[in-house]
Amino acid sequence: MNELEPASEPMRLNKYLAHAGIATRRDADALIAAGKVLVNGERASLGMKVSEADTIEVMKGRGRRAAQPRAYFAYNKPRGVITHSPGDDEKDIVGSLPPELRSLGLFPVGRLDKDSYGLIILTNDGRITDRLLNPDTEHEKEYLVHTKLALRPSFKTHMESGVDIEGYRTKPARVRIAGEKSFAITITEGKKHQIRRMVVALHNEVVDLKRTRIMSIRLGSLGAGAARAIEGAELEAFLESLGLAAV
């Protein structure tokens, strides 16, 4: 029997199952409709919401889904690989993983656009999705960026104080100039194509963008397309910063 972790806040059941890495929302609805999802021991219904007070279980075949140990990996997404929902001629992260990792039910937390590369956290622990991605949590993410043109003298000041990107002003950031056309930036939010849009707003263009850190997890020397387990003290520190225990 697999008793899934309680939802951290009320949410639709299909969304919860997607966050837990059980299925896509559409497939989750199919599982619910087939009577293979139980909430507090009772057959779930489409559209229902679940919360911390609920016990959620998923059936497989005639029995209940076997428990899967929680797993956490740092993955170096190569340029050209899609994070989620690839098109016909595209490949995504999960489809690019070796069979031994796919068998763990891993899914990427967050995303990097197709032309960007670097650190993505892979896990089968649905607890961390909202805690890591919720914009109110302000967890740090660090990037190394190369631009088409030389950086202006005022670039660092403007980037750090916030940039207007199509009507939204970004939160304060930290910037370290690394070269005539390169800089490192640490942000605590993740609007779509945010860094690229910030650079464009300052009359330049990103030609290379790599994510090097998410909170305490660093990319380090991990090769493109490679993954390493997050474990031991590194895992404990990461989960503790999310208010979770390594169980």
C-alpha atoms as a PDB file:
ATOM      1  CA  MET A   1       0.000   0.000   0.000  1.00  0.00           C
ATOM      2  CA  ASN A   2       1.222   3.501  -0.809  1.00  0.00           C
ATOM      3  CA  GLU A   3      -0.166   6.194   1.455  1.00  0.00           C
ATOM      4  CA  LEU A   4       0.865   9.466  -0.167  1.00  0.00           C
ATOM      5  CA  GLU A   5       2.142  12.478   1.763  1.00  0.00           C
ATOM      6  CA  PRO A   6      -0.690  14.832   2.822  1.00  0.00           C
ATOM      7  CA  ALA A   7      -1.232  17.936   0.702  1.00  0.00           C
ATOM      8  CA  SER A   8       0.440  20.996   2.264  1.00  0.00           C
ATOM      9  CA  GLU A   9      -2.611  23.101   1.388  1.00  0.00           C
ATOM     10  CA  PRO A  10      -6.058  22.394  -0.132  1.00  0.00           C
ATOM     11  CA  MET A  11      -5.792  21.581  -3.835  1.00  0.00           C
ATOM     12  CA  ARG A  12      -7.633  19.630  -6.514  1.00  0.00           C
ATOM     13  CA  LEU A  13      -6.903  15.928  -6.327  1.00  0.00           C
ATOM     14  CA  ASN A  14      -5.625  15.653  -9.910  1.00  0.00           C
ATOM     15  CA  LYS A  15      -3.171  18.496  -9.268  1.00  0.00           C
ATOM     16  CA  TYR A  16      -1.989  16.807  -6.082  1.00  0.00           C
ATOM     17  CA  LEU A  17      -1.386  13.497  -7.907  1.00  0.00           C
ATOM     18  CA  ALA A  18       0.544  15.345 -10.637  1.00  0.00           C
ATOM     19  CA  HIS A  19       2.719  17.091  -8.030  1.00  0.00           C
ATOM     20  CA  ALA A  20       3.349  13.737  -6.367  1.00  0.00           C
ATOM     21  CA  GLY A  21       4.658  12.341  -9.640  1.00  0.00           C
ATOM     22  CA  ILE A  22       1.887   9.743  -9.913  1.00  0.00           C
ATOM     23  CA  ALA A  23       0.442  10.891 -13.243  1.00  0.00           C
ATOM     24  CA  THR A  24      -0.302  13.921 -15.385  1.00  0.00           C
ATOM     25  CA  ARG A  25      -3.491  15.766 -14.465  1.00  0.00           C
ATOM     26  CA  ARG A  26      -5.322  14.155 -17.384  1.00  0.00           C
ATOM     27  CA  ASP A  27      -4.118  10.675 -16.441  1.00  0.00           C
ATOM     28  CA  ALA A  28      -4.915  11.393 -12.793  1.00  0.00           C
ATOM     29  CA  ASP A  29      -8.509  12.140 -13.784  1.00  0.00           C
ATOM     30  CA  ALA A  30      -8.592   8.803 -15.593  1.00  0.00           C
ATOM     31  CA  LEU A  31      -7.354   7.022 -12.452  1.00  0.00           C
ATOM     32  CA  ILE A  32      -9.977   8.803 -10.361  1.00  0.00           C
ATOM     33  CA  ALA A  33     -12.749   7.969 -12.837  1.00  0.00           C
ATOM     34  CA  ALA A  34     -11.631   4.315 -12.839  1.00  0.00           C
ATOM     35  CA  GLY A  35     -12.003   4.174  -9.051  1.00  0.00           C
ATOM     36  CA  LYS A  36      -8.279   3.656  -8.449  1.00  0.00           C
ATOM     37  CA  VAL A  37      -7.821   6.608  -6.090  1.00  0.00           C
ATOM     38  CA  LEU A  38      -8.975   6.486  -2.478  1.00  0.00           C
ATOM     39  CA  VAL A  39      -9.354   9.477  -0.153  1.00  0.00           C
ATOM     40  CA  ASN A  40      -9.715   8.496   3.498  1.00  0.00           C
ATOM     41  CA  GLY A  41     -10.448   4.945   2.380  1.00  0.00           C
ATOM     42  CA  GLU A  42     -13.328   5.999   0.109  1.00  0.00           C
ATOM     43  CA  ARG A  43     -13.425   6.118  -3.667  1.00  0.00           C
ATOM     44  CA  ALA A  44     -12.454   9.605  -4.866  1.00  0.00           C
ATOM     45  CA  SER A  45     -14.549  11.728  -7.209  1.00  0.00           C
ATOM     46  CA  LEU A  46     -13.521  13.994 -10.066  1.00  0.00           C
ATOM     47  CA  GLY A  47     -12.923  17.609  -9.081  1.00  0.00           C
ATOM     48  CA  MET A  48     -12.659  16.989  -5.346  1.00  0.00           C
ATOM     49  CA  LYS A  49     -10.096  18.822  -3.236  1.00  0.00           C
ATOM     50  CA  VAL A  50      -7.749  17.312  -0.655  1.00  0.00           C
ATOM     51  CA  SER A  51      -5.880  18.772   2.310  1.00  0.00           C
ATOM     52  CA  GLU A  52      -3.502  17.821   5.115  1.00  0.00           C
ATOM     53  CA  ALA A  53      -6.330  16.043   6.942  1.00  0.00           C
ATOM     54  CA  ASP A  54      -6.846  13.569   4.079  1.00  0.00           C
ATOM     55  CA  THR A  55      -5.180  10.220   3.427  1.00  0.00           C
ATOM     56  CA  ILE A  56      -4.693   9.595  -0.313  1.00  0.00           C
ATOM     57  CA  GLU A  57      -3.973   6.166  -1.790  1.00  0.00           C
ATOM     58  CA  VAL A  58      -3.560   4.987  -5.379  1.00  0.00           C
ATOM     59  CA  MET A  59      -4.498   1.514  -6.568  1.00  0.00           C
ATOM     60  CA  LYS A  60      -2.644  -0.317  -9.324  1.00  0.00           C
ATOM     61  CA  GLY A  61      -4.364  -3.175 -11.120  1.00  0.00           C
ATOM     62  CA  ARG A  62      -6.244  -5.142  -8.491  1.00  0.00           C
ATOM     63  CA  GLY A  63      -3.958  -4.077  -5.672  1.00  0.00           C
ATOM     64  CA  ARG A  64      -2.520  -0.912  -4.243  1.00  0.00           C
ATOM     65  CA  ARG A  65       0.436   0.853  -5.726  1.00  0.00           C
ATOM     66  CA  ALA A  66       3.726  -0.340  -4.243  1.00  0.00           C
ATOM     67  CA  ALA A  67       5.500   2.208  -2.091  1.00  0.00           C
ATOM     68  CA  GLN A  68       8.397   3.948  -3.842  1.00  0.00           C
ATOM     69  CA  PRO A  69      11.309   5.178  -1.708  1.00  0.00           C
ATOM     70  CA  ARG A  70      11.779   8.920  -1.945  1.00  0.00           C
ATOM     71  CA  ALA A  71      14.666   9.886  -4.209  1.00  0.00           C
ATOM     72  CA  TYR A  72      16.366  13.195  -4.990  1.00  0.00           C
ATOM     73  CA  PHE A  73      18.814  13.954  -7.793  1.00  0.00           C
ATOM     74  CA  ALA A  74      20.694  16.945  -9.171  1.00  0.00           C
ATOM     75  CA  TYR A  75      20.485  16.827 -12.980  1.00  0.00           C
ATOM     76  CA  ASN A  76      22.341  18.881 -15.576  1.00  0.00           C
ATOM     77  CA  LYS A  77      19.740  19.594 -18.259  1.00  0.00           C
ATOM     78  CA  PRO A  78      21.437  19.898 -21.645  1.00  0.00           C
ATOM     79  CA  ARG A  79      20.570  22.696 -24.046  1.00  0.00           C
ATOM     80  CA  GLY A  80      17.796  21.609 -26.417  1.00  0.00           C
ATOM     81  CA  VAL A  81      16.029  19.289 -23.953  1.00  0.00           C
ATOM     82  CA  ILE A  82      12.477  20.225 -22.907  1.00  0.00           C
ATOM     83  CA  THR A  83      11.645  20.211 -19.213  1.00  0.00           C
ATOM     84  CA  HIS A  84       7.977  19.175 -19.581  1.00  0.00           C
ATOM     85  CA  SER A  85       5.510  18.243 -22.360  1.00  0.00           C
ATOM     86  CA  PRO A  86       7.760  17.821 -25.432  1.00  0.00           C
ATOM     87  CA  GLY A  87       6.452  18.160 -28.991  1.00  0.00           C
ATOM     88  CA  ASP A  88       6.614  15.404 -31.590  1.00  0.00           C
ATOM     89  CA  ASP A  89      10.236  16.046 -32.526  1.00  0.00           C
ATOM     90  CA  GLU A  90      11.449  17.014 -29.047  1.00  0.00           C
ATOM     91  CA  LYS A  91      12.731  15.076 -26.071  1.00  0.00           C
ATOM     92  CA  ASP A  92      12.093  15.885 -22.435  1.00  0.00           C
ATOM     93  CA  ILE A  93      14.092  15.316 -19.270  1.00  0.00           C
ATOM     94  CA  VAL A  94      12.270  12.193 -18.081  1.00  0.00           C
ATOM     95  CA  GLY A  95      12.486  10.574 -21.513  1.00  0.00           C
ATOM     96  CA  SER A  96      16.225  11.284 -21.565  1.00  0.00           C
ATOM     97  CA  LEU A  97      16.919   9.523 -18.259  1.00  0.00           C
ATOM     98  CA  PRO A  98      18.404   6.012 -18.107  1.00  0.00           C
ATOM     99  CA  PRO A  99      15.908   3.229 -17.264  1.00  0.00           C
ATOM    100  CA  GLU A 100      17.162   2.859 -13.688  1.00  0.00           C
ATOM    101  CA  LEU A 101      16.244   6.479 -12.950  1.00  0.00           C
ATOM    102  CA  ARG A 102      12.956   6.443 -14.872  1.00  0.00           C
ATOM    103  CA  SER A 103      11.893   3.458 -12.789  1.00  0.00           C
ATOM    104  CA  LEU A 104      12.025   5.650  -9.670  1.00  0.00           C
ATOM    105  CA  GLY A 105       9.138   7.801 -10.900  1.00  0.00           C
ATOM    106  CA  LEU A 106      11.235  10.970 -10.960  1.00  0.00           C
ATOM    107  CA  PHE A 107       9.913  14.288 -12.235  1.00  0.00           C
ATOM    108  CA  PRO A 108      11.608  17.689 -12.616  1.00  0.00           C
ATOM    109  CA  VAL A 109      10.738  20.393 -10.099  1.00  0.00           C
ATOM    110  CA  GLY A 110      10.453  23.689 -11.933  1.00  0.00           C
ATOM    111  CA  ARG A 111      11.726  24.232 -15.439  1.00  0.00           C
ATOM    112  CA  LEU A 112      14.441  25.640 -17.673  1.00  0.00           C
ATOM    113  CA  ASP A 113      13.576  26.800 -21.181  1.00  0.00           C
ATOM    114  CA  LYS A 114      14.783  24.783 -24.166  1.00  0.00           C
ATOM    115  CA  ASP A 115      17.774  27.016 -24.921  1.00  0.00           C
ATOM    116  CA  SER A 116      18.956  27.201 -21.301  1.00  0.00           C
ATOM    117  CA  TYR A 117      20.814  24.482 -19.440  1.00  0.00           C
ATOM    118  CA  GLY A 118      22.093  23.542 -16.013  1.00  0.00           C
ATOM    119  CA  LEU A 119      20.713  22.455 -12.671  1.00  0.00           C
ATOM    120  CA  ILE A 120      17.270  20.864 -12.291  1.00  0.00           C
ATOM    121  CA  ILE A 121      16.175  18.919  -9.226  1.00  0.00           C
ATOM    122  CA  LEU A 122      14.571  15.551  -9.973  1.00  0.00           C
ATOM    123  CA  THR A 123      12.512  13.777  -7.335  1.00  0.00           C
ATOM    124  CA  ASN A 124       9.512  11.548  -6.744  1.00  0.00           C
ATOM    125  CA  ASP A 125       8.669  13.463  -3.560  1.00  0.00           C
ATOM    126  CA  GLY A 126       5.589  15.559  -4.268  1.00  0.00           C
ATOM    127  CA  ARG A 127       6.008  17.396  -0.957  1.00  0.00           C
ATOM    128  CA  ILE A 128       8.742  19.657  -2.272  1.00  0.00           C
ATOM    129  CA  THR A 129       7.037  21.033  -5.384  1.00  0.00           C
ATOM    130  CA  ASP A 130       5.013  23.842  -3.840  1.00  0.00           C
ATOM    131  CA  ARG A 131       7.549  24.489  -1.090  1.00  0.00           C
ATOM    132  CA  LEU A 132      10.292  25.038  -3.662  1.00  0.00           C
ATOM    133  CA  LEU A 133       8.336  26.822  -6.401  1.00  0.00           C
ATOM    134  CA  ASN A 134       5.873  28.955  -4.437  1.00  0.00           C
ATOM    135  CA  PRO A 135       6.876  32.587  -5.166  1.00  0.00           C
ATOM    136  CA  ASP A 136       6.220  33.551  -1.547  1.00  0.00           C
ATOM    137  CA  THR A 137       9.077  31.315  -0.340  1.00  0.00           C
ATOM    138  CA  GLU A 138      11.812  33.325  -2.114  1.00  0.00           C
ATOM    139  CA  HIS A 139      14.329  30.480  -2.436  1.00  0.00           C
ATOM    140  CA  GLU A 140      17.574  31.463  -4.163  1.00  0.00           C
ATOM    141  CA  LYS A 141      18.531  30.342  -7.677  1.00  0.00           C
ATOM    142  CA  GLU A 142      21.834  31.315  -9.265  1.00  0.00           C
ATOM    143  CA  TYR A 143      22.677  31.614 -12.967  1.00  0.00           C
ATOM    144  CA  LEU A 144      25.730  32.345 -15.101  1.00  0.00           C
ATOM    145  CA  VAL A 145      24.830  34.465 -18.107  1.00  0.00           C
ATOM    146  CA  HIS A 146      26.687  35.562 -21.261  1.00  0.00           C
ATOM    147  CA  THR A 147      25.364  38.463 -23.334  1.00  0.00           C
ATOM    148  CA  LYS A 148      25.616  39.526 -26.961  1.00  0.00           C
ATOM    149  CA  LEU A 149      26.890  43.022 -26.192  1.00  0.00           C
ATOM    150  CA  ALA A 150      29.248  44.397 -23.561  1.00  0.00           C
ATOM    151  CA  LEU A 151      27.546  45.212 -20.258  1.00  0.00           C
ATOM    152  CA  ARG A 152      26.889  48.900 -19.615  1.00  0.00           C
ATOM    153  CA  PRO A 153      28.396  50.526 -16.483  1.00  0.00           C
ATOM    154  CA  SER A 154      24.907  50.844 -14.954  1.00  0.00           C
ATOM    155  CA  PHE A 155      23.913  47.237 -15.726  1.00  0.00           C
ATOM    156  CA  LYS A 156      24.609  45.807 -12.265  1.00  0.00           C
ATOM    157  CA  THR A 157      22.751  48.605 -10.458  1.00  0.00           C
ATOM    158  CA  HIS A 158      19.655  48.281 -12.637  1.00  0.00           C
ATOM    159  CA  MET A 159      19.538  44.484 -12.463  1.00  0.00           C
ATOM    160  CA  GLU A 160      19.913  44.458  -8.680  1.00  0.00           C
ATOM    161  CA  SER A 161      17.296  47.116  -7.986  1.00  0.00           C
ATOM    162  CA  GLY A 162      14.617  45.520 -10.183  1.00  0.00           C
ATOM    163  CA  VAL A 163      13.736  45.711 -13.868  1.00  0.00           C
ATOM    164  CA  ASP A 164      10.379  46.471 -15.476  1.00  0.00           C
ATOM    165  CA  ILE A 165       9.530  43.530 -17.737  1.00  0.00           C
ATOM    166  CA  GLU A 166       6.291  44.255 -19.549  1.00  0.00           C
ATOM    167  CA  GLY A 167       4.574  45.866 -16.584  1.00  0.00           C
ATOM    168  CA  TYR A 168       6.063  43.717 -13.827  1.00  0.00           C
ATOM    169  CA  ARG A 169       8.982  44.940 -11.719  1.00  0.00           C
ATOM    170  CA  THR A 170      11.299  42.133 -10.683  1.00  0.00           C
ATOM    171  CA  LYS A 171      12.350  41.689  -7.084  1.00  0.00           C
ATOM    172  CA  PRO A 172      15.836  42.787  -5.928  1.00  0.00           C
ATOM    173  CA  ALA A 173      18.622  40.469  -7.085  1.00  0.00           C
ATOM    174  CA  ARG A 174      22.352  40.027  -6.538  1.00  0.00           C
ATOM    175  CA  VAL A 175      24.688  40.448  -9.496  1.00  0.00           C
ATOM    176  CA  ARG A 176      28.406  39.751  -9.881  1.00  0.00           C
ATOM    177  CA  ILE A 177      30.061  40.972 -13.070  1.00  0.00           C
ATOM    178  CA  ALA A 178      32.191  38.114 -14.393  1.00  0.00           C
ATOM    179  CA  GLY A 179      33.513  39.654 -17.605  1.00  0.00           C
ATOM    180  CA  GLU A 180      32.881  42.226 -20.298  1.00  0.00           C
ATOM    181  CA  LYS A 181      29.896  40.210 -21.543  1.00  0.00           C
ATOM    182  CA  SER A 182      29.094  37.910 -18.618  1.00  0.00           C
ATOM    183  CA  PHE A 183      27.611  38.055 -15.145  1.00  0.00           C
ATOM    184  CA  ALA A 184      26.285  35.819 -12.359  1.00  0.00           C
ATOM    185  CA  ILE A 185      22.859  36.597 -10.935  1.00  0.00           C
ATOM    186  CA  THR A 186      20.975  35.279  -7.908  1.00  0.00           C
ATOM    187  CA  ILE A 187      17.184  35.678  -7.938  1.00  0.00           C
ATOM    188  CA  THR A 188      14.378  34.528  -5.639  1.00  0.00           C
ATOM    189  CA  GLU A 189      11.571  34.335  -8.185  1.00  0.00           C
ATOM    190  CA  GLY A 190      11.036  32.614 -11.509  1.00  0.00           C
ATOM    191  CA  LYS A 191       8.882  34.457 -14.016  1.00  0.00           C
ATOM    192  CA  LYS A 192       8.851  32.934 -17.498  1.00  0.00           C
ATOM    193  CA  HIS A 193      12.125  33.732 -19.304  1.00  0.00           C
ATOM    194  CA  GLN A 194      12.744  36.262 -16.530  1.00  0.00           C
ATOM    195  CA  ILE A 195      16.494  36.782 -16.877  1.00  0.00           C
ATOM    196  CA  ARG A 196      16.331  36.930 -20.660  1.00  0.00           C
ATOM    197  CA  ARG A 197      13.548  39.524 -20.448  1.00  0.00           C
ATOM    198  CA  MET A 198      15.451  41.558 -17.840  1.00  0.00           C
ATOM    199  CA  VAL A 199      18.512  41.688 -20.078  1.00  0.00           C
ATOM    200  CA  VAL A 200      16.441  42.689 -23.113  1.00  0.00           C
ATOM    201  CA  ALA A 201      14.858  45.494 -21.056  1.00  0.00           C
ATOM    202  CA  LEU A 202      18.390  46.796 -20.463  1.00  0.00           C
ATOM    203  CA  HIS A 203      19.139  46.868 -24.203  1.00  0.00           C
ATOM    204  CA  ASN A 204      21.136  43.651 -24.485  1.00  0.00           C
ATOM    205  CA  GLU A 205      20.518  39.982 -25.308  1.00  0.00           C
ATOM    206  CA  VAL A 206      21.314  36.670 -23.618  1.00  0.00           C
ATOM    207  CA  VAL A 207      23.319  34.236 -25.728  1.00  0.00           C
ATOM    208  CA  ASP A 208      24.054  31.638 -23.032  1.00  0.00           C
ATOM    209  CA  LEU A 209      22.281  30.925 -19.730  1.00  0.00           C
ATOM    210  CA  LYS A 210      23.236  28.233 -17.223  1.00  0.00           C
ATOM    211  CA  ARG A 211      21.659  27.599 -13.818  1.00  0.00           C
ATOM    212  CA  THR A 212      24.382  26.742 -11.320  1.00  0.00           C
ATOM    213  CA  ARG A 213      22.581  26.596  -7.964  1.00  0.00           C
ATOM    214  CA  ILE A 214      19.154  26.017  -6.409  1.00  0.00           C
ATOM    215  CA  MET A 215      19.242  26.942  -2.710  1.00  0.00           C
ATOM    216  CA  SER A 216      22.034  24.793  -1.214  1.00  0.00           C
ATOM    217  CA  ILE A 217      22.252  22.387  -4.183  1.00  0.00           C
ATOM    218  CA  ARG A 218      25.055  23.202  -6.634  1.00  0.00           C
ATOM    219  CA  LEU A 219      25.638  21.997 -10.177  1.00  0.00           C
ATOM    220  CA  GLY A 220      29.398  21.758  -9.684  1.00  0.00           C
ATOM    221  CA  SER A 221      31.222  19.688 -12.311  1.00  0.00           C
ATOM    222  CA  LEU A 222      28.225  17.536 -13.235  1.00  0.00           C
ATOM    223  CA  GLY A 223      28.336  16.777 -16.960  1.00  0.00           C
ATOM    224  CA  ALA A 224      25.562  17.576 -19.427  1.00  0.00           C
ATOM    225  CA  GLY A 225      22.783  15.002 -19.182  1.00  0.00           C
ATOM    226  CA  ALA A 226      24.255  13.479 -16.009  1.00  0.00           C
ATOM    227  CA  ALA A 227      22.559  13.096 -12.635  1.00  0.00           C
ATOM    228  CA  ARG A 228      23.871  12.613  -9.113  1.00  0.00           C
ATOM    229  CA  ALA A 229      22.006  11.579  -6.000  1.00  0.00           C
ATOM    230  CA  ILE A 230      21.362  14.224  -3.359  1.00  0.00           C
ATOM    231  CA  GLU A 231      21.877  12.407  -0.081  1.00  0.00           C
ATOM    232  CA  GLY A 232      23.415  12.527   3.378  1.00  0.00           C
ATOM    233  CA  ALA A 233      24.080  15.917   4.949  1.00  0.00           C
ATOM    234  CA  GLU A 234      23.371  17.705   1.660  1.00  0.00           C
ATOM    235  CA  LEU A 235      19.882  16.215   1.520  1.00  0.00           C
ATOM    236  CA  GLU A 236      19.185  16.871   5.193  1.00  0.00           C
ATOM    237  CA  ALA A 237      20.131  20.545   4.831  1.00  0.00           C
ATOM    238  CA  PHE A 238      18.031  20.907   1.663  1.00  0.00           C
ATOM    239  CA  LEU A 239      14.913  19.321   3.146  1.00  0.00           C
ATOM    240  CA  GLU A 240      15.319  21.184   6.434  1.00  0.00           C
ATOM    241  CA  SER A 241      15.369  24.488   4.541  1.00  0.00           C
ATOM    242  CA  LEU A 242      12.024  23.454   3.029  1.00  0.00           C
ATOM    243  CA  GLY A 243      10.622  22.569   6.454  1.00  0.00           C
ATOM    244  CA  LEU A 244      10.712  18.834   5.757  1.00  0.00           C
ATOM    245  CA  ALA A 245      12.366  15.836   7.361  1.00  0.00           C
ATOM    246  CA  ALA A 246      14.507  13.314   5.484  1.00  0.00           C
ATOM    247  CA  VAL A 247      12.277  10.261   5.968  1.00  0.00           C
END
